[in-house]
Structure formats: C-alpha cells, structure tokens
Amino acid sequence: MYLSISYIAKESPKNAGKVLKKIIALSKGLALYPLKYPKDPIYNNERVRFAIIYSFKLIYKIESDKIRIPRLFHTKQHPSKA
C-alpha cells in the first residue's frame, strides 16, 4: 500500500493523505460491519471479502476475533501480481 501512496504523493501529497486516511477509516469500520461488503469471487469464501476505495481493492478475512487484511492493491494491477 505504501508504494502506491508514495506514487500518489509524487503527483499530489494532499491527495495521497486523503487516500490513506480513507483506507484507514474503511479498515477500522470493517470490525463494526464485517459482512457489509461482498465476498471475493477469487477466493469464493464467505469469510473472505473485499471493498473498493478509490482505485484500490482491499481484501479482508473475517476471523473469529479479528479482521485480517492480507492484501491491498491498485485495481489496475492483476491480483496475482499484487
């Protein structure tokens, strides 16, 4: 994620900060409503879901006592290369 934010920061530091804040806010909100977003079709598992924010796809896994975020990548990037 930080590489993407660094890339955005080269063009617009202000926008990079906004994107980072939105991603952090989204990730914190997952604990309140973990089933809010759809299951990820690649994993095809009810406990593995995704959310799109700006041009980033955030993959998260619902575990018994926490939400784990194993992947965050730009939507133009193929998931296997993220």
PDB file of N, CA and C in Angstrom:
ATOM      1  N   MET A   1       0.823  -1.183   0.000  1.00  0.00           N
ATOM      2  CA  MET A   1       0.000   0.000   0.000  1.00  0.00           C
ATOM      3  C   MET A   1       0.867   1.246   0.000  1.00  0.00           C
ATOM      4  N   TYR A   2       1.919   1.257   0.778  1.00  0.00           N
ATOM      5  CA  TYR A   2       2.713   2.462   0.911  1.00  0.00           C
ATOM      6  C   TYR A   2       3.410   2.833  -0.390  1.00  0.00           C
ATOM      7  N   LEU A   3       3.722   1.839  -1.226  1.00  0.00           N
ATOM      8  CA  LEU A   3       4.302   2.160  -2.520  1.00  0.00           C
ATOM      9  C   LEU A   3       3.299   2.927  -3.364  1.00  0.00           C
ATOM     10  N   SER A   4       2.037   2.515  -3.335  1.00  0.00           N
ATOM     11  CA  SER A   4       1.001   3.212  -4.081  1.00  0.00           C
ATOM     12  C   SER A   4       0.791   4.613  -3.540  1.00  0.00           C
ATOM     13  N   ILE A   5       0.761   4.757  -2.234  1.00  0.00           N
ATOM     14  CA  ILE A   5       0.586   6.070  -1.624  1.00  0.00           C
ATOM     15  C   ILE A   5       1.783   6.962  -1.977  1.00  0.00           C
ATOM     16  N   SER A   6       2.970   6.395  -1.988  1.00  0.00           N
ATOM     17  CA  SER A   6       4.165   7.159  -2.372  1.00  0.00           C
ATOM     18  C   SER A   6       4.060   7.636  -3.815  1.00  0.00           C
ATOM     19  N   TYR A   7       3.530   6.780  -4.659  1.00  0.00           N
ATOM     20  CA  TYR A   7       3.356   7.142  -6.066  1.00  0.00           C
ATOM     21  C   TYR A   7       2.375   8.308  -6.195  1.00  0.00           C
ATOM     22  N   ILE A   8       1.262   8.239  -5.475  1.00  0.00           N
ATOM     23  CA  ILE A   8       0.276   9.326  -5.496  1.00  0.00           C
ATOM     24  C   ILE A   8       0.906  10.601  -4.951  1.00  0.00           C
ATOM     25  N   ALA A   9       1.700  10.471  -3.903  1.00  0.00           N
ATOM     26  CA  ALA A   9       2.318  11.633  -3.259  1.00  0.00           C
ATOM     27  C   ALA A   9       3.242  12.398  -4.204  1.00  0.00           C
ATOM     28  N   LYS A  10       3.852  11.720  -5.161  1.00  0.00           N
ATOM     29  CA  LYS A  10       4.717  12.409  -6.121  1.00  0.00           C
ATOM     30  C   LYS A  10       3.928  13.433  -6.924  1.00  0.00           C
ATOM     31  N   GLU A  11       2.702  13.058  -7.276  1.00  0.00           N
ATOM     32  CA  GLU A  11       1.854  13.957  -8.059  1.00  0.00           C
ATOM     33  C   GLU A  11       1.093  14.942  -7.169  1.00  0.00           C
ATOM     34  N   SER A  12       0.617  14.437  -6.023  1.00  0.00           N
ATOM     35  CA  SER A  12      -0.193  15.281  -5.148  1.00  0.00           C
ATOM     36  C   SER A  12      -0.118  14.791  -3.705  1.00  0.00           C
ATOM     37  N   PRO A  13       0.723  15.383  -2.892  1.00  0.00           N
ATOM     38  CA  PRO A  13       0.809  14.978  -1.483  1.00  0.00           C
ATOM     39  C   PRO A  13      -0.534  15.091  -0.752  1.00  0.00           C
ATOM     40  N   LYS A  14      -1.304  16.105  -1.096  1.00  0.00           N
ATOM     41  CA  LYS A  14      -2.609  16.290  -0.464  1.00  0.00           C
ATOM     42  C   LYS A  14      -3.539  15.114  -0.762  1.00  0.00           C
ATOM     43  N   ASN A  15      -3.581  14.685  -2.009  1.00  0.00           N
ATOM     44  CA  ASN A  15      -4.431  13.553  -2.371  1.00  0.00           C
ATOM     45  C   ASN A  15      -3.940  12.251  -1.743  1.00  0.00           C
ATOM     46  N   ALA A  16      -2.643  12.078  -1.643  1.00  0.00           N
ATOM     47  CA  ALA A  16      -2.098  10.862  -1.023  1.00  0.00           C
ATOM     48  C   ALA A  16      -2.561  10.764   0.423  1.00  0.00           C
ATOM     49  N   GLY A  17      -2.541  11.873   1.130  1.00  0.00           N
ATOM     50  CA  GLY A  17      -3.004  11.886   2.517  1.00  0.00           C
ATOM     51  C   GLY A  17      -4.477  11.554   2.619  1.00  0.00           C
ATOM     52  N   LYS A  18      -5.280  12.076   1.705  1.00  0.00           N
ATOM     53  CA  LYS A  18      -6.719  11.805   1.702  1.00  0.00           C
ATOM     54  C   LYS A  18      -6.992  10.325   1.445  1.00  0.00           C
ATOM     55  N   VAL A  19      -6.281   9.763   0.467  1.00  0.00           N
ATOM     56  CA  VAL A  19      -6.467   8.349   0.128  1.00  0.00           C
ATOM     57  C   VAL A  19      -6.091   7.475   1.322  1.00  0.00           C
ATOM     58  N   LEU A  20      -4.957   7.753   1.924  1.00  0.00           N
ATOM     59  CA  LEU A  20      -4.501   6.973   3.069  1.00  0.00           C
ATOM     60  C   LEU A  20      -5.504   7.052   4.223  1.00  0.00           C
ATOM     61  N   LYS A  21      -6.015   8.245   4.525  1.00  0.00           N
ATOM     62  CA  LYS A  21      -6.998   8.402   5.606  1.00  0.00           C
ATOM     63  C   LYS A  21      -8.270   7.612   5.318  1.00  0.00           C
ATOM     64  N   LYS A  22      -8.731   7.621   4.071  1.00  0.00           N
ATOM     65  CA  LYS A  22      -9.945   6.878   3.707  1.00  0.00           C
ATOM     66  C   LYS A  22      -9.729   5.375   3.829  1.00  0.00           C
ATOM     67  N   ILE A  23      -8.575   4.898   3.425  1.00  0.00           N
ATOM     68  CA  ILE A  23      -8.278   3.464   3.526  1.00  0.00           C
ATOM     69  C   ILE A  23      -8.221   3.044   4.994  1.00  0.00           C
ATOM     70  N   ILE A  24      -7.601   3.846   5.828  1.00  0.00           N
ATOM     71  CA  ILE A  24      -7.527   3.540   7.264  1.00  0.00           C
ATOM     72  C   ILE A  24      -8.917   3.558   7.884  1.00  0.00           C
ATOM     73  N   ALA A  25      -9.725   4.552   7.538  1.00  0.00           N
ATOM     74  CA  ALA A  25     -11.091   4.629   8.076  1.00  0.00           C
ATOM     75  C   ALA A  25     -11.922   3.424   7.647  1.00  0.00           C
ATOM     76  N   LEU A  26     -11.793   3.033   6.392  1.00  0.00           N
ATOM     77  CA  LEU A  26     -12.512   1.857   5.905  1.00  0.00           C
ATOM     78  C   LEU A  26     -12.092   0.614   6.672  1.00  0.00           C
ATOM     79  N   SER A  27     -10.791   0.438   6.846  1.00  0.00           N
ATOM     80  CA  SER A  27     -10.310  -0.763   7.530  1.00  0.00           C
ATOM     81  C   SER A  27     -10.767  -0.809   8.989  1.00  0.00           C
ATOM     82  N   LYS A  28     -10.837   0.327   9.651  1.00  0.00           N
ATOM     83  CA  LYS A  28     -11.325   0.357  11.035  1.00  0.00           C
ATOM     84  C   LYS A  28     -12.816   0.042  11.102  1.00  0.00           C
ATOM     85  N   GLY A  29     -13.569   0.472  10.104  1.00  0.00           N
ATOM     86  CA  GLY A  29     -15.005   0.228  10.074  1.00  0.00           C
ATOM     87  C   GLY A  29     -15.386  -1.219   9.804  1.00  0.00           C
ATOM     88  N   LEU A  30     -14.475  -2.003   9.285  1.00  0.00           N
ATOM     89  CA  LEU A  30     -14.778  -3.400   8.982  1.00  0.00           C
ATOM     90  C   LEU A  30     -15.151  -4.193  10.225  1.00  0.00           C
ATOM     91  N   ALA A  31     -14.597  -3.835  11.352  1.00  0.00           N
ATOM     92  CA  ALA A  31     -14.901  -4.551  12.599  1.00  0.00           C
ATOM     93  C   ALA A  31     -16.361  -4.370  13.001  1.00  0.00           C
ATOM     94  N   LEU A  32     -16.944  -3.220  12.675  1.00  0.00           N
ATOM     95  CA  LEU A  32     -18.341  -2.960  13.036  1.00  0.00           C
ATOM     96  C   LEU A  32     -19.319  -3.700  12.130  1.00  0.00           C
ATOM     97  N   TYR A  33     -19.021  -3.730  10.838  1.00  0.00           N
ATOM     98  CA  TYR A  33     -19.918  -4.360   9.864  1.00  0.00           C
ATOM     99  C   TYR A  33     -19.117  -5.258   8.921  1.00  0.00           C
ATOM    100  N   PRO A  34     -18.629  -6.371   9.406  1.00  0.00           N
ATOM    101  CA  PRO A  34     -17.739  -7.204   8.585  1.00  0.00           C
ATOM    102  C   PRO A  34     -18.405  -7.810   7.348  1.00  0.00           C
ATOM    103  N   LEU A  35     -19.724  -7.970   7.363  1.00  0.00           N
ATOM    104  CA  LEU A  35     -20.407  -8.577   6.218  1.00  0.00           C
ATOM    105  C   LEU A  35     -20.953  -7.538   5.245  1.00  0.00           C
ATOM    106  N   LYS A  36     -20.606  -6.294   5.435  1.00  0.00           N
ATOM    107  CA  LYS A  36     -21.116  -5.199   4.611  1.00  0.00           C
ATOM    108  C   LYS A  36     -20.726  -5.346   3.142  1.00  0.00           C
ATOM    109  N   TYR A  37     -19.541  -5.816   2.888  1.00  0.00           N
ATOM    110  CA  TYR A  37     -19.029  -5.895   1.526  1.00  0.00           C
ATOM    111  C   TYR A  37     -19.153  -7.319   0.985  1.00  0.00           C
ATOM    112  N   PRO A  38     -19.139  -7.470  -0.345  1.00  0.00           N
ATOM    113  CA  PRO A  38     -19.338  -8.801  -0.940  1.00  0.00           C
ATOM    114  C   PRO A  38     -18.148  -9.733  -0.750  1.00  0.00           C
ATOM    115  N   LYS A  39     -18.451 -11.021  -0.857  1.00  0.00           N
ATOM    116  CA  LYS A  39     -17.356 -11.989  -0.796  1.00  0.00           C
ATOM    117  C   LYS A  39     -16.534 -11.868  -2.067  1.00  0.00           C
ATOM    118  N   ASP A  40     -15.256 -12.140  -1.933  1.00  0.00           N
ATOM    119  CA  ASP A  40     -14.360 -12.024  -3.069  1.00  0.00           C
ATOM    120  C   ASP A  40     -14.536 -13.224  -3.996  1.00  0.00           C
ATOM    121  N   PRO A  41     -14.819 -12.993  -5.281  1.00  0.00           N
ATOM    122  CA  PRO A  41     -15.060 -14.117  -6.194  1.00  0.00           C
ATOM    123  C   PRO A  41     -13.846 -15.002  -6.442  1.00  0.00           C
ATOM    124  N   ILE A  42     -12.657 -14.449  -6.277  1.00  0.00           N
ATOM    125  CA  ILE A  42     -11.445 -15.258  -6.494  1.00  0.00           C
ATOM    126  C   ILE A  42     -11.292 -16.302  -5.392  1.00  0.00           C
ATOM    127  N   TYR A  43     -11.553 -15.913  -4.153  1.00  0.00           N
ATOM    128  CA  TYR A  43     -11.415 -16.829  -3.021  1.00  0.00           C
ATOM    129  C   TYR A  43     -12.664 -17.681  -2.823  1.00  0.00           C
ATOM    130  N   ASN A  44     -13.841 -17.145  -3.202  1.00  0.00           N
ATOM    131  CA  ASN A  44     -15.114 -17.849  -3.093  1.00  0.00           C
ATOM    132  C   ASN A  44     -15.325 -18.445  -1.704  1.00  0.00           C
ATOM    133  N   ASN A  45     -15.200 -17.584  -0.703  1.00  0.00           N
ATOM    134  CA  ASN A  45     -15.327 -17.996   0.689  1.00  0.00           C
ATOM    135  C   ASN A  45     -16.102 -16.888   1.401  1.00  0.00           C
ATOM    136  N   GLU A  46     -17.130 -17.245   2.148  1.00  0.00           N
ATOM    137  CA  GLU A  46     -17.960 -16.252   2.841  1.00  0.00           C
ATOM    138  C   GLU A  46     -17.157 -15.365   3.783  1.00  0.00           C
ATOM    139  N   ARG A  47     -16.052 -15.851   4.275  1.00  0.00           N
ATOM    140  CA  ARG A  47     -15.261 -15.096   5.245  1.00  0.00           C
ATOM    141  C   ARG A  47     -14.174 -14.231   4.595  1.00  0.00           C
ATOM    142  N   VAL A  48     -14.025 -14.336   3.297  1.00  0.00           N
ATOM    143  CA  VAL A  48     -13.048 -13.508   2.578  1.00  0.00           C
ATOM    144  C   VAL A  48     -13.828 -12.553   1.690  1.00  0.00           C
ATOM    145  N   ARG A  49     -13.706 -11.276   1.987  1.00  0.00           N
ATOM    146  CA  ARG A  49     -14.498 -10.247   1.323  1.00  0.00           C
ATOM    147  C   ARG A  49     -13.596  -9.146   0.797  1.00  0.00           C
ATOM    148  N   PHE A  50     -14.196  -8.232   0.056  1.00  0.00           N
ATOM    149  CA  PHE A  50     -13.409  -7.127  -0.485  1.00  0.00           C
ATOM    150  C   PHE A  50     -14.208  -5.838  -0.480  1.00  0.00           C
ATOM    151  N   ALA A  51     -13.465  -4.751  -0.479  1.00  0.00           N
ATOM    152  CA  ALA A  51     -14.038  -3.415  -0.594  1.00  0.00           C
ATOM    153  C   ALA A  51     -13.169  -2.629  -1.567  1.00  0.00           C
ATOM    154  N   ILE A  52     -13.817  -1.784  -2.334  1.00  0.00           N
ATOM    155  CA  ILE A  52     -13.100  -0.914  -3.262  1.00  0.00           C
ATOM    156  C   ILE A  52     -13.161   0.509  -2.709  1.00  0.00           C
ATOM    157  N   ILE A  53     -12.019   1.148  -2.640  1.00  0.00           N
ATOM    158  CA  ILE A  53     -11.956   2.548  -2.231  1.00  0.00           C
ATOM    159  C   ILE A  53     -11.002   3.263  -3.179  1.00  0.00           C
ATOM    160  N   TYR A  54     -11.528   4.319  -3.790  1.00  0.00           N
ATOM    161  CA  TYR A  54     -10.827   4.984  -4.884  1.00  0.00           C
ATOM    162  C   TYR A  54     -10.452   3.914  -5.900  1.00  0.00           C
ATOM    163  N   SER A  55      -9.217   3.742  -6.202  1.00  0.00           N
ATOM    164  CA  SER A  55      -8.806   2.725  -7.174  1.00  0.00           C
ATOM    165  C   SER A  55      -8.074   1.566  -6.506  1.00  0.00           C
ATOM    166  N   PHE A  56      -8.382   1.314  -5.256  1.00  0.00           N
ATOM    167  CA  PHE A  56      -7.731   0.239  -4.514  1.00  0.00           C
ATOM    168  C   PHE A  56      -8.731  -0.826  -4.112  1.00  0.00           C
ATOM    169  N   LYS A  57      -8.296  -2.061  -4.171  1.00  0.00           N
ATOM    170  CA  LYS A  57      -9.112  -3.191  -3.716  1.00  0.00           C
ATOM    171  C   LYS A  57      -8.491  -3.707  -2.429  1.00  0.00           C
ATOM    172  N   LEU A  58      -9.292  -3.737  -1.395  1.00  0.00           N
ATOM    173  CA  LEU A  58      -8.852  -4.199  -0.086  1.00  0.00           C
ATOM    174  C   LEU A  58      -9.496  -5.563   0.155  1.00  0.00           C
ATOM    175  N   ILE A  59      -8.690  -6.588   0.288  1.00  0.00           N
ATOM    176  CA  ILE A  59      -9.170  -7.942   0.586  1.00  0.00           C
ATOM    177  C   ILE A  59      -9.063  -8.129   2.091  1.00  0.00           C
ATOM    178  N   TYR A  60     -10.135  -8.633   2.704  1.00  0.00           N
ATOM    179  CA  TYR A  60     -10.071  -8.874   4.141  1.00  0.00           C
ATOM    180  C   TYR A  60     -10.713 -10.209   4.493  1.00  0.00           C
ATOM    181  N   LYS A  61     -10.245 -10.768   5.592  1.00  0.00           N
ATOM    182  CA  LYS A  61     -10.736 -12.064   6.064  1.00  0.00           C
ATOM    183  C   LYS A  61     -11.344 -11.879   7.444  1.00  0.00           C
ATOM    184  N   ILE A  62     -12.546 -12.400   7.599  1.00  0.00           N
ATOM    185  CA  ILE A  62     -13.229 -12.340   8.882  1.00  0.00           C
ATOM    186  C   ILE A  62     -12.795 -13.556   9.703  1.00  0.00           C
ATOM    187  N   GLU A  63     -12.120 -13.298  10.794  1.00  0.00           N
ATOM    188  CA  GLU A  63     -11.695 -14.372  11.691  1.00  0.00           C
ATOM    189  C   GLU A  63     -12.542 -14.305  12.957  1.00  0.00           C
ATOM    190  N   SER A  64     -12.431 -15.269  13.822  1.00  0.00           N
ATOM    191  CA  SER A  64     -13.297 -15.344  14.999  1.00  0.00           C
ATOM    192  C   SER A  64     -13.199 -14.131  15.915  1.00  0.00           C
ATOM    193  N   ASP A  65     -12.014 -13.558  16.027  1.00  0.00           N
ATOM    194  CA  ASP A  65     -11.845 -12.448  16.961  1.00  0.00           C
ATOM    195  C   ASP A  65     -11.245 -11.186  16.337  1.00  0.00           C
ATOM    196  N   LYS A  66     -11.075 -11.191  15.002  1.00  0.00           N
ATOM    197  CA  LYS A  66     -10.477 -10.019  14.358  1.00  0.00           C
ATOM    198  C   LYS A  66     -10.741 -10.034  12.859  1.00  0.00           C
ATOM    199  N   ILE A  67     -10.431  -8.919  12.241  1.00  0.00           N
ATOM    200  CA  ILE A  67     -10.452  -8.787  10.789  1.00  0.00           C
ATOM    201  C   ILE A  67      -9.002  -8.688  10.348  1.00  0.00           C
ATOM    202  N   ARG A  68      -8.616  -9.527   9.413  1.00  0.00           N
ATOM    203  CA  ARG A  68      -7.243  -9.511   8.902  1.00  0.00           C
ATOM    204  C   ARG A  68      -7.273  -9.007   7.465  1.00  0.00           C
ATOM    205  N   ILE A  69      -6.348  -8.130   7.111  1.00  0.00           N
ATOM    206  CA  ILE A  69      -6.264  -7.576   5.762  1.00  0.00           C
ATOM    207  C   ILE A  69      -4.975  -8.092   5.113  1.00  0.00           C
ATOM    208  N   PRO A  70      -5.076  -9.175   4.344  1.00  0.00           N
ATOM    209  CA  PRO A  70      -3.866  -9.725   3.733  1.00  0.00           C
ATOM    210  C   PRO A  70      -3.411  -9.006   2.468  1.00  0.00           C
ATOM    211  N   ARG A  71      -4.349  -8.298   1.789  1.00  0.00           N
ATOM    212  CA  ARG A  71      -3.956  -7.686   0.518  1.00  0.00           C
ATOM    213  C   ARG A  71      -4.661  -6.358   0.284  1.00  0.00           C
ATOM    214  N   LEU A  72      -3.927  -5.444  -0.275  1.00  0.00           N
ATOM    215  CA  LEU A  72      -4.440  -4.165  -0.743  1.00  0.00           C
ATOM    216  C   LEU A  72      -3.651  -3.830  -1.994  1.00  0.00           C
ATOM    217  N   PHE A  73      -4.353  -3.626  -3.102  1.00  0.00           N
ATOM    218  CA  PHE A  73      -3.643  -3.336  -4.338  1.00  0.00           C
ATOM    219  C   PHE A  73      -4.481  -2.435  -5.239  1.00  0.00           C
ATOM    220  N   HIS A  74      -3.814  -1.805  -6.183  1.00  0.00           N
ATOM    221  CA  HIS A  74      -4.480  -0.937  -7.147  1.00  0.00           C
ATOM    222  C   HIS A  74      -5.303  -1.814  -8.082  1.00  0.00           C
ATOM    223  N   THR A  75      -6.488  -1.349  -8.440  1.00  0.00           N
ATOM    224  CA  THR A  75      -7.376  -2.168  -9.260  1.00  0.00           C
ATOM    225  C   THR A  75      -6.853  -2.377 -10.690  1.00  0.00           C
ATOM    226  N   LYS A  76      -5.909  -1.573 -11.136  1.00  0.00           N
ATOM    227  CA  LYS A  76      -5.322  -1.793 -12.456  1.00  0.00           C
ATOM    228  C   LYS A  76      -4.266  -2.891 -12.416  1.00  0.00           C
ATOM    229  N   GLN A  77      -3.870  -3.293 -11.222  1.00  0.00           N
ATOM    230  CA  GLN A  77      -2.861  -4.341 -11.068  1.00  0.00           C
ATOM    231  C   GLN A  77      -3.569  -5.689 -11.011  1.00  0.00           C
ATOM    232  N   HIS A  78      -3.055  -6.658 -11.693  1.00  0.00           N
ATOM    233  CA  HIS A  78      -3.643  -8.006 -11.645  1.00  0.00           C
ATOM    234  C   HIS A  78      -3.406  -8.582 -10.259  1.00  0.00           C
ATOM    235  N   PRO A  79      -4.443  -9.211  -9.655  1.00  0.00           N
ATOM    236  CA  PRO A  79      -4.302  -9.726  -8.274  1.00  0.00           C
ATOM    237  C   PRO A  79      -3.122 -10.675  -8.077  1.00  0.00           C
ATOM    238  N   SER A  80      -2.791 -11.458  -9.077  1.00  0.00           N
ATOM    239  CA  SER A  80      -1.674 -12.401  -8.901  1.00  0.00           C
ATOM    240  C   SER A  80      -0.326 -11.694  -8.818  1.00  0.00           C
ATOM    241  N   LYS A  81      -0.263 -10.437  -9.233  1.00  0.00           N
ATOM    242  CA  LYS A  81       0.995  -9.688  -9.190  1.00  0.00           C
ATOM    243  C   LYS A  81       1.051  -8.713  -8.033  1.00  0.00           C
ATOM    244  N   ALA A  82      -0.022  -8.651  -7.261  1.00  0.00           N
ATOM    245  CA  ALA A  82      -0.077  -7.702  -6.140  1.00  0.00           C
ATOM    246  C   ALA A  82       0.712  -8.194  -4.967  1.00  0.00           C
TER     247      ALA A  82
END
